[in-house]
Amino acid sequence: MSTHGGKVPGSIKAPVKDYLTVDSPSLATAEDSSGVGSAANAALRHVTVTLGRELFRFDSFQQWVNKAQSWFMRSGVPSSQVLCVDATGRICSMGKQFMSARDRGAFPVIVYHIDLEPIAAKEVI
């Protein structure tokens, strides 16, 4: 998996073995006039995500279109427990993100099972 050096929300900062660090807007740190967190004004923070095993990968956008539904169902893993990461390290969780990966030439998209075993959370600053 390749790394992406920029600070783009949802991009990999520094993958290490079965971990990846993601720059993510912190909604708790910024509020708009309604008192609701505003992603546009939020500071980026680093979050480490523990990955489980690779479930499968989509080598092309067309393969995702043709096979996603059956492969996800066959995996037996709930969608809330997977993370799809494209070749540039961006997270793909909806169709428009897979289309963006296609347009940027960022396939394959690898589907990981998220390790949900509770561990002490550690924020990297």
Protein backbone atom coordinates (compact mmCIF):
# COMPACT_ATOMS: atom_id res chain seq x y z
CA MET A 1 0.00 0.00 0.00
CA SER A 2 1.38 3.40 -0.90
CA THR A 3 1.43 6.41 1.37
CA HIS A 4 0.08 9.86 0.77
CA GLY A 5 2.26 12.60 2.28
CA GLY A 6 -0.33 15.41 2.32
CA LYS A 7 -2.72 16.29 5.11
CA VAL A 8 -5.91 15.40 3.27
CA PRO A 9 -8.80 14.28 5.50
CA GLY A 10 -9.12 10.52 5.24
CA SER A 11 -5.63 9.98 3.83
CA ILE A 12 -2.97 7.68 5.23
CA LYS A 13 -0.29 9.55 7.15
CA ALA A 14 2.09 6.73 8.09
CA PRO A 15 1.15 3.07 7.71
CA VAL A 16 3.10 0.68 9.92
CA LYS A 17 2.52 -3.03 9.52
CA ASP A 18 -1.19 -3.56 10.35
CA TYR A 19 -1.83 0.01 11.44
CA LEU A 20 -2.51 3.21 9.55
CA THR A 21 -2.67 6.74 10.81
CA VAL A 22 -5.42 8.89 9.36
CA ASP A 23 -5.71 12.67 9.35
CA SER A 24 -9.26 13.35 10.47
CA PRO A 25 -11.20 16.55 11.20
CA SER A 26 -12.07 16.72 14.87
CA LEU A 27 -15.70 17.82 15.09
CA ALA A 28 -15.41 18.27 18.84
CA THR A 29 -12.92 21.14 18.45
CA ALA A 30 -14.88 23.52 16.25
CA GLU A 31 -18.42 24.83 16.38
CA ASP A 32 -20.36 26.94 13.94
CA SER A 33 -22.92 29.56 14.98
CA SER A 34 -25.52 26.86 15.66
CA GLY A 35 -23.21 25.16 18.17
CA VAL A 36 -22.73 22.15 15.91
CA GLY A 37 -19.24 20.94 14.99
CA SER A 38 -18.07 22.25 11.62
CA ALA A 39 -15.70 20.02 9.65
CA ALA A 40 -14.60 22.98 7.54
CA ASN A 41 -13.25 24.79 10.59
CA ALA A 42 -12.02 21.75 12.52
CA ALA A 43 -8.38 21.05 13.23
CA LEU A 44 -6.92 17.85 11.81
CA ARG A 45 -5.88 15.18 14.26
CA HIS A 46 -4.11 11.87 13.82
CA VAL A 47 -5.98 8.68 14.58
CA THR A 48 -4.41 5.23 14.46
CA VAL A 49 -6.67 2.51 13.06
CA THR A 50 -5.85 -1.13 13.76
CA LEU A 51 -6.55 -3.26 10.73
CA GLY A 52 -7.44 -6.89 10.73
CA ARG A 53 -6.94 -9.21 7.81
CA GLU A 54 -7.41 -8.25 4.19
CA LEU A 55 -10.80 -9.60 3.13
CA PHE A 56 -10.47 -8.98 -0.61
CA ARG A 57 -9.53 -6.30 -3.11
CA PHE A 58 -11.11 -4.67 -6.10
CA ASP A 59 -8.61 -4.38 -8.95
CA SER A 60 -10.82 -2.00 -10.94
CA PHE A 61 -13.90 0.18 -10.62
CA GLN A 62 -15.82 -2.19 -12.90
CA GLN A 63 -14.94 -5.12 -10.64
CA TRP A 64 -16.31 -3.14 -7.68
CA VAL A 65 -19.54 -2.44 -9.62
CA ASN A 66 -19.92 -6.10 -10.62
CA LYS A 67 -18.78 -7.89 -7.46
CA ALA A 68 -19.06 -5.64 -4.38
CA GLN A 69 -22.48 -6.79 -3.22
CA SER A 70 -21.76 -10.52 -3.50
CA TRP A 71 -18.22 -10.30 -2.08
CA PHE A 72 -19.34 -8.30 0.95
CA MET A 73 -22.21 -10.71 1.60
CA ARG A 74 -19.98 -13.77 1.13
CA SER A 75 -17.37 -12.36 3.56
CA GLY A 76 -19.87 -12.58 6.43
CA VAL A 77 -18.37 -9.42 7.97
CA PRO A 78 -20.82 -6.59 8.78
CA SER A 79 -20.21 -3.42 6.76
CA SER A 80 -19.61 -1.56 10.04
CA GLN A 81 -16.49 -3.71 10.51
CA VAL A 82 -14.72 -3.05 7.21
CA LEU A 83 -12.46 -0.32 5.90
CA CYS A 84 -11.81 0.16 2.19
CA VAL A 85 -8.55 1.92 1.32
CA ASP A 86 -7.51 2.90 -2.20
CA ALA A 87 -3.96 2.71 -3.60
CA THR A 88 -3.22 6.29 -2.52
CA GLY A 89 -4.45 5.72 1.03
CA ARG A 90 -7.83 7.40 0.80
CA ILE A 91 -10.75 5.74 2.52
CA CYS A 92 -13.62 4.67 0.25
CA SER A 93 -16.94 4.17 2.00
CA MET A 94 -19.49 5.24 -0.62
CA GLY A 95 -19.92 5.17 -4.37
CA LYS A 96 -18.63 8.66 -5.08
CA GLN A 97 -15.35 7.81 -3.31
CA PHE A 98 -14.93 4.69 -5.46
CA MET A 99 -15.64 6.86 -8.53
CA SER A 100 -13.00 9.31 -7.35
CA ALA A 101 -10.53 6.42 -6.96
CA ARG A 102 -11.33 5.39 -10.52
CA ASP A 103 -10.83 8.93 -11.83
CA ARG A 104 -7.51 9.26 -9.98
CA GLY A 105 -6.24 5.83 -11.08
CA ALA A 106 -6.20 4.74 -7.43
CA PHE A 107 -7.25 1.10 -7.77
CA PRO A 108 -6.81 -1.47 -6.34
CA VAL A 109 -9.04 -0.73 -3.37
CA ILE A 110 -8.29 -3.11 -0.52
CA VAL A 111 -11.04 -4.14 1.89
CA TYR A 112 -9.84 -4.78 5.44
CA HIS A 113 -11.62 -6.24 8.42
CA ILE A 114 -11.32 -3.71 11.25
CA ASP A 115 -9.86 -5.15 14.44
CA LEU A 116 -12.53 -4.35 17.03
CA GLU A 117 -10.70 -5.78 20.03
CA PRO A 118 -10.73 -3.07 22.69
CA ILE A 119 -7.36 -1.45 23.29
CA ALA A 120 -6.36 1.75 25.05
CA ALA A 121 -6.92 4.66 22.68
CA LYS A 122 -3.91 6.89 22.07
CA GLU A 123 -4.11 10.14 20.18
CA VAL A 124 -0.96 11.17 18.31
CA ILE A 125 -0.27 14.89 18.21
